[in-house]
């Protein structure tokens, strides 16, 4: 399934979402594959294909299908925050995660999610602190882990948005430019537009 899911994500990234969904279809039977696993991978496909609403729905369903799975809970909270939806629910999920025993990878990523939570709450200085903590935790892994580089660039982008909101434009622009190539490659329009809006507000 993992090979098929990666193929489906690649197809979705090429604009072939229908073909990608066809690749995933054989794994939709919950009697053969844990349904939360199928939904989680399907969420990746929809996200890469630009169908963010459907991606969020899949992550919510995956979480509901296996409540107590901290990986699914973290993914669901992150999806809510990235789309700036149901801030109260996202905050509750993050607070519950902080009380759980997490894997080393989840402990590394959690400050990034907390940083986005504070950014959405308008607590910009705390967002900077949390995202900076995330970058520092990710540093040992960025040389050989692609996902760590992705998370680090997202953390820099969120930090840049918070700094722009605080009027600290020189550092904000430096961080944003360092993250921009990945944001553009992954078509992260929402994050790019959010930074541009923060810059505009700082100039008025």
N, C-alpha and C. Protein backbone atom coordinates (compact mmCIF):
# COMPACT_ATOMS: atom_id res chain seq x y z
N UNK A 1 0.81 -1.21 0.00
CA UNK A 1 0.00 0.00 0.00
C UNK A 1 0.85 1.26 0.00
N UNK A 2 1.97 1.23 0.73
CA UNK A 2 2.78 2.43 0.82
C UNK A 2 3.35 2.82 -0.55
N UNK A 3 3.78 1.83 -1.34
CA UNK A 3 4.25 2.14 -2.68
C UNK A 3 3.14 2.75 -3.53
N UNK A 4 1.95 2.15 -3.42
CA UNK A 4 0.80 2.65 -4.17
C UNK A 4 0.44 4.07 -3.74
N UNK A 5 0.48 4.33 -2.44
CA UNK A 5 0.14 5.65 -1.93
C UNK A 5 1.11 6.71 -2.42
N UNK A 6 2.42 6.36 -2.45
CA UNK A 6 3.41 7.32 -2.95
C UNK A 6 3.18 7.58 -4.44
N UNK A 7 2.84 6.52 -5.19
CA UNK A 7 2.55 6.69 -6.61
C UNK A 7 1.33 7.61 -6.78
N UNK A 8 0.31 7.39 -5.96
CA UNK A 8 -0.90 8.21 -6.05
C UNK A 8 -0.61 9.67 -5.73
N UNK A 9 0.23 9.91 -4.72
CA UNK A 9 0.60 11.29 -4.39
C UNK A 9 1.33 11.94 -5.55
N UNK A 10 2.24 11.19 -6.17
CA UNK A 10 2.98 11.72 -7.32
C UNK A 10 2.03 12.05 -8.47
N UNK A 11 1.08 11.17 -8.73
CA UNK A 11 0.11 11.43 -9.80
C UNK A 11 -0.73 12.66 -9.48
N UNK A 12 -1.14 12.80 -8.22
CA UNK A 12 -1.92 13.97 -7.82
C UNK A 12 -1.11 15.24 -8.02
N UNK A 13 0.18 15.17 -7.71
CA UNK A 13 1.05 16.33 -7.91
C UNK A 13 1.21 16.70 -9.37
N UNK A 14 1.03 15.73 -10.25
CA UNK A 14 1.10 15.98 -11.69
C UNK A 14 -0.24 16.42 -12.27
N UNK A 15 -1.24 16.60 -11.39
CA UNK A 15 -2.55 17.02 -11.85
C UNK A 15 -3.45 15.89 -12.30
N UNK A 16 -3.08 14.67 -11.96
CA UNK A 16 -3.85 13.48 -12.38
C UNK A 16 -4.57 12.89 -11.17
N UNK A 17 -5.44 13.68 -10.56
CA UNK A 17 -6.08 13.27 -9.32
C UNK A 17 -6.99 12.06 -9.53
N UNK A 18 -7.75 12.05 -10.61
CA UNK A 18 -8.64 10.92 -10.86
C UNK A 18 -7.85 9.62 -10.97
N UNK A 19 -6.73 9.66 -11.65
CA UNK A 19 -5.89 8.48 -11.78
C UNK A 19 -5.31 8.09 -10.42
N UNK A 20 -4.96 9.08 -9.63
CA UNK A 20 -4.43 8.82 -8.29
C UNK A 20 -5.47 8.12 -7.42
N UNK A 21 -6.70 8.56 -7.48
CA UNK A 21 -7.77 7.95 -6.69
C UNK A 21 -8.03 6.52 -7.14
N UNK A 22 -7.88 6.26 -8.42
CA UNK A 22 -8.03 4.91 -8.92
C UNK A 22 -6.97 3.99 -8.34
N UNK A 23 -5.75 4.50 -8.21
CA UNK A 23 -4.66 3.72 -7.62
C UNK A 23 -4.98 3.37 -6.17
N UNK A 24 -5.64 4.29 -5.47
CA UNK A 24 -5.93 4.07 -4.05
C UNK A 24 -7.15 3.19 -3.82
N UNK A 25 -8.02 3.08 -4.78
CA UNK A 25 -9.29 2.39 -4.60
C UNK A 25 -9.16 0.96 -4.05
N UNK A 26 -8.20 0.14 -4.51
CA UNK A 26 -8.11 -1.24 -4.00
C UNK A 26 -7.86 -1.34 -2.49
N UNK A 27 -7.47 -0.24 -1.86
CA UNK A 27 -7.13 -0.29 -0.44
C UNK A 27 -8.24 0.27 0.45
N UNK A 28 -9.41 0.53 -0.15
CA UNK A 28 -10.51 1.16 0.58
C UNK A 28 -11.34 0.18 1.40
N UNK A 29 -11.10 -1.11 1.25
CA UNK A 29 -11.86 -2.14 1.97
C UNK A 29 -11.33 -2.28 3.39
N UNK A 30 -12.10 -1.86 4.40
CA UNK A 30 -11.60 -1.90 5.79
C UNK A 30 -11.38 -3.31 6.33
N UNK A 31 -11.91 -4.33 5.63
CA UNK A 31 -11.66 -5.70 6.08
C UNK A 31 -10.27 -6.18 5.70
N UNK A 32 -9.61 -5.43 4.81
CA UNK A 32 -8.28 -5.81 4.35
C UNK A 32 -7.19 -4.86 4.84
N UNK A 33 -7.52 -3.57 4.92
CA UNK A 33 -6.56 -2.54 5.33
C UNK A 33 -7.20 -1.73 6.45
N UNK A 34 -6.49 -1.46 7.54
CA UNK A 34 -7.06 -0.57 8.57
C UNK A 34 -7.57 0.72 7.93
N UNK A 35 -8.82 1.05 8.21
CA UNK A 35 -9.43 2.16 7.49
C UNK A 35 -8.76 3.48 7.80
N UNK A 36 -8.25 3.64 9.03
CA UNK A 36 -7.56 4.88 9.37
C UNK A 36 -6.31 5.07 8.52
N UNK A 37 -5.65 3.94 8.19
CA UNK A 37 -4.44 4.01 7.38
C UNK A 37 -4.78 4.44 5.96
N UNK A 38 -5.82 3.84 5.41
CA UNK A 38 -6.27 4.22 4.06
C UNK A 38 -6.66 5.70 4.02
N UNK A 39 -7.43 6.14 5.01
CA UNK A 39 -7.88 7.54 5.03
C UNK A 39 -6.72 8.51 5.18
N UNK A 40 -5.74 8.13 5.98
CA UNK A 40 -4.57 8.98 6.17
C UNK A 40 -3.80 9.17 4.87
N UNK A 41 -3.60 8.08 4.14
CA UNK A 41 -2.88 8.17 2.88
C UNK A 41 -3.73 8.88 1.82
N UNK A 42 -5.03 8.67 1.86
CA UNK A 42 -5.92 9.36 0.93
C UNK A 42 -5.89 10.87 1.17
N UNK A 43 -5.77 11.26 2.43
CA UNK A 43 -5.65 12.68 2.76
C UNK A 43 -4.42 13.29 2.10
N UNK A 44 -3.31 12.56 2.10
CA UNK A 44 -2.08 13.03 1.45
C UNK A 44 -2.32 13.24 -0.05
N UNK A 45 -3.04 12.31 -0.65
CA UNK A 45 -3.33 12.40 -2.09
C UNK A 45 -4.16 13.64 -2.39
N UNK A 46 -5.23 13.83 -1.63
CA UNK A 46 -6.09 14.99 -1.85
C UNK A 46 -5.33 16.30 -1.61
N UNK A 47 -4.52 16.33 -0.57
CA UNK A 47 -3.76 17.54 -0.28
C UNK A 47 -2.82 17.89 -1.42
N UNK A 48 -2.10 16.90 -1.92
CA UNK A 48 -1.17 17.14 -3.02
C UNK A 48 -1.92 17.56 -4.28
N UNK A 49 -3.14 17.04 -4.44
CA UNK A 49 -3.95 17.40 -5.60
C UNK A 49 -4.68 18.72 -5.44
N UNK A 50 -4.48 19.42 -4.33
CA UNK A 50 -5.09 20.72 -4.14
C UNK A 50 -6.50 20.69 -3.59
N UNK A 51 -6.98 19.50 -3.22
CA UNK A 51 -8.33 19.36 -2.67
C UNK A 51 -8.23 19.38 -1.14
N UNK A 52 -8.01 20.58 -0.60
CA UNK A 52 -7.72 20.70 0.82
C UNK A 52 -8.91 20.37 1.71
N UNK A 53 -10.12 20.70 1.26
CA UNK A 53 -11.31 20.38 2.05
C UNK A 53 -11.47 18.87 2.20
N UNK A 54 -11.28 18.16 1.10
CA UNK A 54 -11.41 16.70 1.16
C UNK A 54 -10.28 16.09 1.98
N UNK A 55 -9.10 16.69 1.89
CA UNK A 55 -7.98 16.22 2.69
C UNK A 55 -8.29 16.35 4.17
N UNK A 56 -8.83 17.49 4.57
CA UNK A 56 -9.18 17.71 5.96
C UNK A 56 -10.25 16.72 6.42
N UNK A 57 -11.24 16.47 5.57
CA UNK A 57 -12.28 15.50 5.90
C UNK A 57 -11.67 14.12 6.15
N UNK A 58 -10.73 13.72 5.32
CA UNK A 58 -10.09 12.42 5.48
C UNK A 58 -9.29 12.34 6.77
N UNK A 59 -8.61 13.41 7.11
CA UNK A 59 -7.82 13.40 8.34
C UNK A 59 -8.74 13.34 9.57
N UNK A 60 -9.87 14.03 9.50
CA UNK A 60 -10.83 13.97 10.61
C UNK A 60 -11.38 12.56 10.74
N UNK A 61 -11.72 11.95 9.62
CA UNK A 61 -12.27 10.59 9.63
C UNK A 61 -11.23 9.58 10.11
N UNK A 62 -9.99 9.77 9.70
CA UNK A 62 -8.92 8.87 10.15
C UNK A 62 -8.75 8.95 11.66
N UNK A 63 -8.78 10.17 12.19
CA UNK A 63 -8.66 10.36 13.64
C UNK A 63 -9.82 9.69 14.37
N UNK A 64 -11.05 9.87 13.85
CA UNK A 64 -12.22 9.27 14.48
C UNK A 64 -12.19 7.75 14.40
N UNK A 65 -11.53 7.23 13.36
CA UNK A 65 -11.47 5.78 13.18
C UNK A 65 -10.49 5.11 14.13
N UNK A 66 -9.58 5.88 14.72
CA UNK A 66 -8.59 5.29 15.63
C UNK A 66 -8.21 6.32 16.70
N UNK A 67 -9.20 6.74 17.48
CA UNK A 67 -8.95 7.72 18.54
C UNK A 67 -7.93 7.15 19.52
N UNK A 68 -6.98 7.97 19.87
CA UNK A 68 -5.88 7.52 20.71
C UNK A 68 -4.59 7.36 19.95
N UNK A 69 -4.69 7.40 18.63
CA UNK A 69 -3.51 7.34 17.77
C UNK A 69 -2.92 8.74 17.70
N UNK A 70 -1.82 8.96 18.39
CA UNK A 70 -1.25 10.31 18.50
C UNK A 70 -0.79 10.85 17.15
N UNK A 71 -0.34 9.99 16.26
CA UNK A 71 0.10 10.45 14.94
C UNK A 71 -1.08 11.03 14.16
N UNK A 72 -2.22 10.35 14.22
CA UNK A 72 -3.41 10.84 13.53
C UNK A 72 -3.92 12.12 14.18
N UNK A 73 -3.84 12.18 15.50
CA UNK A 73 -4.29 13.38 16.22
C UNK A 73 -3.43 14.59 15.86
N UNK A 74 -2.13 14.39 15.79
CA UNK A 74 -1.21 15.46 15.43
C UNK A 74 -1.47 15.93 14.00
N UNK A 75 -1.68 14.97 13.10
CA UNK A 75 -1.95 15.29 11.70
C UNK A 75 -3.26 16.06 11.55
N UNK A 76 -4.28 15.65 12.28
CA UNK A 76 -5.58 16.31 12.23
C UNK A 76 -5.48 17.73 12.77
N UNK A 77 -4.81 17.90 13.90
CA UNK A 77 -4.64 19.24 14.48
C UNK A 77 -3.89 20.15 13.52
N UNK A 78 -2.84 19.63 12.93
CA UNK A 78 -2.04 20.42 11.99
C UNK A 78 -2.88 20.84 10.78
N UNK A 79 -3.71 19.91 10.28
CA UNK A 79 -4.55 20.23 9.12
C UNK A 79 -5.56 21.33 9.47
N UNK A 80 -6.18 21.23 10.64
CA UNK A 80 -7.11 22.28 11.07
C UNK A 80 -6.42 23.63 11.14
N UNK A 81 -5.22 23.65 11.68
CA UNK A 81 -4.50 24.90 11.86
C UNK A 81 -4.02 25.47 10.53
N UNK A 82 -3.57 24.61 9.64
CA UNK A 82 -3.10 25.09 8.34
C UNK A 82 -4.22 25.73 7.55
N UNK A 83 -5.45 25.25 7.75
CA UNK A 83 -6.60 25.82 7.05
C UNK A 83 -7.32 26.86 7.90
N UNK A 84 -6.78 27.10 9.12
CA UNK A 84 -7.35 28.08 10.04
C UNK A 84 -8.82 27.77 10.32
N UNK A 85 -9.08 26.52 10.68
CA UNK A 85 -10.43 26.05 10.98
C UNK A 85 -10.54 25.62 12.44
N UNK A 86 -11.68 25.88 13.05
CA UNK A 86 -12.04 25.39 14.37
C UNK A 86 -10.85 25.47 15.33
N UNK A 87 -10.47 26.70 15.62
CA UNK A 87 -9.28 26.94 16.46
C UNK A 87 -9.43 26.31 17.85
N UNK A 88 -10.65 26.33 18.37
CA UNK A 88 -10.87 25.73 19.69
C UNK A 88 -10.61 24.23 19.66
N UNK A 89 -11.11 23.57 18.63
CA UNK A 89 -10.90 22.13 18.50
C UNK A 89 -9.42 21.81 18.33
N UNK A 90 -8.74 22.57 17.49
CA UNK A 90 -7.31 22.36 17.27
C UNK A 90 -6.53 22.54 18.57
N UNK A 91 -6.88 23.57 19.31
CA UNK A 91 -6.20 23.81 20.59
C UNK A 91 -6.41 22.67 21.56
N UNK A 92 -7.62 22.13 21.59
CA UNK A 92 -7.92 21.00 22.47
C UNK A 92 -7.09 19.78 22.09
N UNK A 93 -6.98 19.51 20.78
CA UNK A 93 -6.19 18.38 20.32
C UNK A 93 -4.72 18.54 20.71
N UNK A 94 -4.20 19.75 20.58
CA UNK A 94 -2.80 20.00 20.92
C UNK A 94 -2.58 19.83 22.42
N UNK A 95 -3.51 20.36 23.22
CA UNK A 95 -3.38 20.22 24.67
C UNK A 95 -3.40 18.75 25.09
N UNK A 96 -4.24 17.95 24.46
CA UNK A 96 -4.28 16.51 24.76
C UNK A 96 -2.97 15.83 24.37
N UNK A 97 -2.42 16.25 23.24
CA UNK A 97 -1.15 15.67 22.78
C UNK A 97 -0.03 15.93 23.77
N UNK A 98 -0.04 17.10 24.37
CA UNK A 98 1.00 17.46 25.32
C UNK A 98 0.98 16.56 26.56
N UNK A 99 -0.15 15.92 26.82
CA UNK A 99 -0.27 15.05 27.98
C UNK A 99 0.05 13.59 27.65
N UNK A 100 0.30 13.30 26.38
CA UNK A 100 0.54 11.92 25.95
C UNK A 100 2.03 11.65 25.81
N UNK A 101 2.35 10.38 25.83
CA UNK A 101 3.72 9.96 25.53
C UNK A 101 3.86 9.89 24.02
N UNK A 102 4.71 10.71 23.45
CA UNK A 102 4.86 10.81 22.01
C UNK A 102 6.17 10.18 21.56
N UNK A 103 6.22 9.84 20.29
CA UNK A 103 7.47 9.34 19.72
C UNK A 103 8.47 10.49 19.61
N UNK A 104 9.72 10.16 19.38
CA UNK A 104 10.75 11.19 19.23
C UNK A 104 10.41 12.13 18.07
N UNK A 105 9.92 11.56 16.96
CA UNK A 105 9.56 12.39 15.81
C UNK A 105 8.42 13.33 16.14
N UNK A 106 7.42 12.83 16.85
CA UNK A 106 6.28 13.67 17.21
C UNK A 106 6.69 14.78 18.18
N UNK A 107 7.57 14.44 19.11
CA UNK A 107 8.08 15.46 20.04
C UNK A 107 8.83 16.56 19.28
N UNK A 108 9.49 16.18 18.20
CA UNK A 108 10.22 17.15 17.40
C UNK A 108 9.29 18.07 16.63
N UNK A 109 8.18 17.51 16.16
CA UNK A 109 7.25 18.27 15.32
C UNK A 109 6.27 19.10 16.14
N UNK A 110 5.96 18.67 17.36
CA UNK A 110 4.93 19.33 18.16
C UNK A 110 5.12 20.84 18.30
N UNK A 111 6.34 21.36 18.55
CA UNK A 111 6.49 22.81 18.64
C UNK A 111 6.08 23.55 17.37
N UNK A 112 6.23 22.91 16.21
CA UNK A 112 5.80 23.52 14.96
C UNK A 112 4.29 23.71 14.96
N UNK A 113 3.57 22.66 15.38
CA UNK A 113 2.11 22.74 15.43
C UNK A 113 1.67 23.75 16.48
N UNK A 114 2.35 23.77 17.62
CA UNK A 114 2.03 24.75 18.66
C UNK A 114 2.32 26.17 18.17
N UNK A 115 3.37 26.33 17.37
CA UNK A 115 3.68 27.64 16.82
C UNK A 115 2.59 28.13 15.89
N UNK A 116 2.06 27.23 15.06
CA UNK A 116 0.98 27.61 14.15
C UNK A 116 -0.29 27.92 14.94
N UNK A 117 -0.52 27.18 16.01
CA UNK A 117 -1.66 27.45 16.88
C UNK A 117 -1.57 28.87 17.45
N UNK A 118 -0.41 29.24 17.96
CA UNK A 118 -0.24 30.58 18.52
C UNK A 118 -0.32 31.65 17.44
N UNK A 119 0.18 31.34 16.25
CA UNK A 119 0.08 32.28 15.14
C UNK A 119 -1.39 32.55 14.82
N UNK A 120 -2.20 31.50 14.75
CA UNK A 120 -3.62 31.66 14.45
C UNK A 120 -4.37 32.37 15.57
N UNK A 121 -3.85 32.23 16.79
CA UNK A 121 -4.46 32.93 17.92
C UNK A 121 -4.06 34.40 17.97
N UNK A 122 -3.07 34.77 17.19
CA UNK A 122 -2.59 36.15 17.21
C UNK A 122 -1.53 36.41 18.25
N UNK A 123 -1.01 35.34 18.85
CA UNK A 123 0.07 35.46 19.84
C UNK A 123 1.40 35.35 19.10
N UNK A 124 1.79 36.42 18.44
CA UNK A 124 2.89 36.35 17.47
C UNK A 124 4.25 36.08 18.12
N UNK A 125 4.52 36.66 19.27
CA UNK A 125 5.82 36.44 19.90
C UNK A 125 5.95 34.99 20.35
N UNK A 126 4.89 34.42 20.89
CA UNK A 126 4.92 33.02 21.30
C UNK A 126 5.02 32.11 20.08
N UNK A 127 4.40 32.52 18.97
CA UNK A 127 4.52 31.75 17.73
C UNK A 127 5.98 31.71 17.28
N UNK A 128 6.66 32.85 17.36
CA UNK A 128 8.09 32.91 17.01
C UNK A 128 8.89 31.96 17.91
N UNK A 129 8.61 31.99 19.19
CA UNK A 129 9.35 31.15 20.14
C UNK A 129 9.15 29.67 19.84
N UNK A 130 7.91 29.26 19.59
CA UNK A 130 7.62 27.85 19.34
C UNK A 130 8.22 27.39 18.01
N UNK A 131 8.10 28.19 16.98
CA UNK A 131 8.64 27.81 15.67
C UNK A 131 10.16 27.77 15.68
N UNK A 132 10.77 28.68 16.43
CA UNK A 132 12.22 28.65 16.58
C UNK A 132 12.66 27.38 17.29
N UNK A 133 11.90 26.98 18.30
CA UNK A 133 12.17 25.73 19.00
C UNK A 133 12.06 24.54 18.04
N UNK A 134 11.06 24.59 17.15
CA UNK A 134 10.90 23.51 16.18
C UNK A 134 12.11 23.42 15.26
N UNK A 135 12.58 24.55 14.75
CA UNK A 135 13.76 24.56 13.87
C UNK A 135 14.97 24.00 14.60
N UNK A 136 15.15 24.38 15.85
CA UNK A 136 16.30 23.89 16.62
C UNK A 136 16.23 22.38 16.83
N UNK A 137 15.03 21.87 17.07
CA UNK A 137 14.87 20.42 17.27
C UNK A 137 15.09 19.65 15.96
N UNK A 138 14.78 20.28 14.86
CA UNK A 138 14.90 19.62 13.56
C UNK A 138 16.32 19.64 13.00
N UNK A 139 17.16 20.53 13.49
CA UNK A 139 18.50 20.71 12.94
C UNK A 139 19.30 19.41 12.82
N UNK A 140 19.27 18.52 13.82
CA UNK A 140 20.08 17.30 13.70
C UNK A 140 19.64 16.36 12.57
N UNK A 141 18.43 16.59 12.04
CA UNK A 141 17.86 15.64 11.09
C UNK A 141 17.77 16.15 9.65
N UNK A 142 17.95 17.45 9.45
CA UNK A 142 17.69 18.03 8.13
C UNK A 142 18.67 17.54 7.06
N UNK A 143 19.85 17.10 7.47
CA UNK A 143 20.84 16.68 6.48
C UNK A 143 20.43 15.40 5.75
N UNK A 144 19.67 14.54 6.44
CA UNK A 144 19.37 13.25 5.81
C UNK A 144 17.90 12.85 5.88
N UNK A 145 17.03 13.75 6.29
CA UNK A 145 15.60 13.44 6.33
C UNK A 145 14.82 14.51 5.59
N UNK A 146 14.22 14.11 4.48
CA UNK A 146 13.50 15.08 3.65
C UNK A 146 12.35 15.73 4.40
N UNK A 147 11.61 14.95 5.19
CA UNK A 147 10.48 15.52 5.90
C UNK A 147 10.93 16.54 6.94
N UNK A 148 12.10 16.33 7.51
CA UNK A 148 12.62 17.31 8.48
C UNK A 148 12.89 18.64 7.79
N UNK A 149 13.39 18.60 6.56
CA UNK A 149 13.63 19.84 5.81
C UNK A 149 12.30 20.53 5.50
N UNK A 150 11.29 19.73 5.18
CA UNK A 150 9.96 20.29 4.92
C UNK A 150 9.43 20.99 6.16
N UNK A 151 9.49 20.31 7.31
CA UNK A 151 8.98 20.90 8.55
C UNK A 151 9.78 22.15 8.93
N UNK A 152 11.09 22.11 8.72
CA UNK A 152 11.92 23.26 9.07
C UNK A 152 11.55 24.47 8.21
N UNK A 153 11.31 24.25 6.93
CA UNK A 153 10.93 25.37 6.06
C UNK A 153 9.55 25.91 6.45
N UNK A 154 8.63 25.02 6.81
CA UNK A 154 7.33 25.50 7.28
C UNK A 154 7.48 26.32 8.55
N UNK A 155 8.33 25.86 9.45
CA UNK A 155 8.56 26.61 10.69
C UNK A 155 9.14 27.99 10.39
N UNK A 156 10.06 28.07 9.44
CA UNK A 156 10.62 29.38 9.06
C UNK A 156 9.55 30.28 8.44
N UNK A 157 8.70 29.70 7.63
CA UNK A 157 7.63 30.49 7.01
C UNK A 157 6.67 31.04 8.06
N UNK A 158 6.28 30.20 9.03
CA UNK A 158 5.37 30.67 10.08
C UNK A 158 6.06 31.73 10.95
N UNK A 159 7.34 31.53 11.20
CA UNK A 159 8.10 32.53 11.96
C UNK A 159 8.12 33.86 11.21
N UNK A 160 8.32 33.78 9.91
CA UNK A 160 8.36 34.99 9.08
C UNK A 160 7.03 35.73 9.13
N UNK A 161 5.93 34.99 9.10
CA UNK A 161 4.61 35.61 9.17
C UNK A 161 4.44 36.32 10.51
N UNK A 162 4.81 35.63 11.60
CA UNK A 162 4.68 36.23 12.93
C UNK A 162 5.55 37.48 13.06
N UNK A 163 6.78 37.41 12.56
CA UNK A 163 7.67 38.57 12.63
C UNK A 163 7.15 39.74 11.81
N UNK A 164 6.56 39.43 10.65
CA UNK A 164 5.98 40.49 9.83
C UNK A 164 4.82 41.17 10.57
N UNK A 165 4.02 40.36 11.25
CA UNK A 165 2.92 40.93 12.04
C UNK A 165 3.46 41.81 13.16
N UNK A 166 4.66 41.48 13.66
CA UNK A 166 5.28 42.27 14.73
C UNK A 166 6.07 43.46 14.18
N UNK A 167 6.15 43.57 12.84
CA UNK A 167 6.86 44.68 12.21
C UNK A 167 8.35 44.48 12.10
N UNK A 168 8.83 43.27 12.36
CA UNK A 168 10.27 42.98 12.28
C UNK A 168 10.59 42.43 10.89
N UNK A 169 10.58 43.32 9.92
CA UNK A 169 10.54 42.91 8.52
C UNK A 169 11.86 42.36 7.99
N UNK A 170 12.99 42.84 8.46
CA UNK A 170 14.27 42.38 7.92
C UNK A 170 14.46 40.87 8.17
N UNK A 171 14.25 40.46 9.40
CA UNK A 171 14.39 39.04 9.72
C UNK A 171 13.26 38.22 9.11
N UNK A 172 12.07 38.81 9.06
CA UNK A 172 10.93 38.11 8.45
C UNK A 172 11.22 37.79 6.99
N UNK A 173 11.74 38.77 6.27
CA UNK A 173 12.01 38.56 4.84
C UNK A 173 13.13 37.56 4.63
N UNK A 174 14.13 37.59 5.48
CA UNK A 174 15.23 36.63 5.35
C UNK A 174 14.73 35.20 5.51
N UNK A 175 13.93 34.99 6.52
CA UNK A 175 13.40 33.65 6.77
C UNK A 175 12.43 33.21 5.68
N UNK A 176 11.60 34.14 5.26
CA UNK A 176 10.61 33.77 4.24
C UNK A 176 11.28 33.40 2.92
N UNK A 177 12.29 34.15 2.53
CA UNK A 177 12.99 33.84 1.28
C UNK A 177 13.69 32.50 1.36
N UNK A 178 14.16 32.12 2.54
CA UNK A 178 14.82 30.82 2.68
C UNK A 178 13.82 29.68 2.53
N UNK A 179 12.56 29.92 2.89
CA UNK A 179 11.54 28.88 2.80
C UNK A 179 10.78 28.91 1.48
N UNK A 180 10.84 30.02 0.76
CA UNK A 180 9.99 30.22 -0.42
C UNK A 180 10.15 29.16 -1.51
N UNK A 181 11.36 28.72 -1.85
CA UNK A 181 11.45 27.70 -2.92
C UNK A 181 10.62 26.46 -2.63
N UNK A 182 10.63 25.99 -1.39
CA UNK A 182 9.83 24.81 -1.06
C UNK A 182 8.34 25.14 -1.06
N UNK A 183 7.98 26.31 -0.56
CA UNK A 183 6.58 26.70 -0.57
C UNK A 183 6.04 26.75 -1.99
N UNK A 184 6.84 27.29 -2.90
CA UNK A 184 6.41 27.37 -4.30
C UNK A 184 6.34 25.99 -4.93
N UNK A 185 7.33 25.14 -4.62
CA UNK A 185 7.35 23.80 -5.20
C UNK A 185 6.14 22.99 -4.75
N UNK A 186 5.72 23.19 -3.52
CA UNK A 186 4.57 22.45 -2.97
C UNK A 186 3.25 23.20 -3.14
N UNK A 187 3.31 24.33 -3.85
CA UNK A 187 2.11 25.12 -4.14
C UNK A 187 1.38 25.52 -2.87
N UNK A 188 2.15 25.98 -1.89
CA UNK A 188 1.59 26.38 -0.60
C UNK A 188 1.08 27.82 -0.68
N UNK A 189 0.04 28.01 -1.50
CA UNK A 189 -0.47 29.36 -1.77
C UNK A 189 -0.99 30.04 -0.51
N UNK A 190 -1.62 29.28 0.35
CA UNK A 190 -2.20 29.86 1.55
C UNK A 190 -1.12 30.49 2.44
N UNK A 191 -0.01 29.80 2.61
CA UNK A 191 1.08 30.32 3.45
C UNK A 191 1.74 31.54 2.80
N UNK A 192 1.96 31.46 1.48
CA UNK A 192 2.57 32.59 0.77
C UNK A 192 1.68 33.83 0.86
N UNK A 193 0.38 33.64 0.63
CA UNK A 193 -0.55 34.77 0.68
C UNK A 193 -0.65 35.33 2.10
N UNK A 194 -0.57 34.47 3.07
CA UNK A 194 -0.66 34.94 4.46
C UNK A 194 0.54 35.82 4.80
N UNK A 195 1.71 35.44 4.33
CA UNK A 195 2.89 36.27 4.56
C UNK A 195 2.74 37.62 3.85
N UNK A 196 2.29 37.60 2.61
CA UNK A 196 2.12 38.84 1.86
C UNK A 196 1.13 39.76 2.54
N UNK A 197 0.06 39.20 3.09
CA UNK A 197 -0.92 40.02 3.81
C UNK A 197 -0.32 40.62 5.08
N UNK A 198 0.52 39.83 5.77
CA UNK A 198 1.17 40.35 6.98
C UNK A 198 2.12 41.49 6.64
N UNK A 199 2.83 41.35 5.52
CA UNK A 199 3.74 42.40 5.07
C UNK A 199 2.96 43.68 4.77
N UNK A 200 1.83 43.55 4.09
CA UNK A 200 1.00 44.71 3.77
C UNK A 200 0.53 45.42 5.03
N UNK A 201 0.12 44.63 6.02
CA UNK A 201 -0.34 45.24 7.27
C UNK A 201 0.79 45.98 7.98
N UNK A 202 2.01 45.44 7.88
CA UNK A 202 3.14 46.08 8.56
C UNK A 202 3.52 47.41 7.90
N UNK A 203 3.10 47.59 6.67
CA UNK A 203 3.46 48.79 5.91
C UNK A 203 2.41 49.89 6.01
N UNK A 204 1.29 49.58 6.67
CA UNK A 204 0.24 50.57 6.78
C UNK A 204 0.21 51.19 8.18
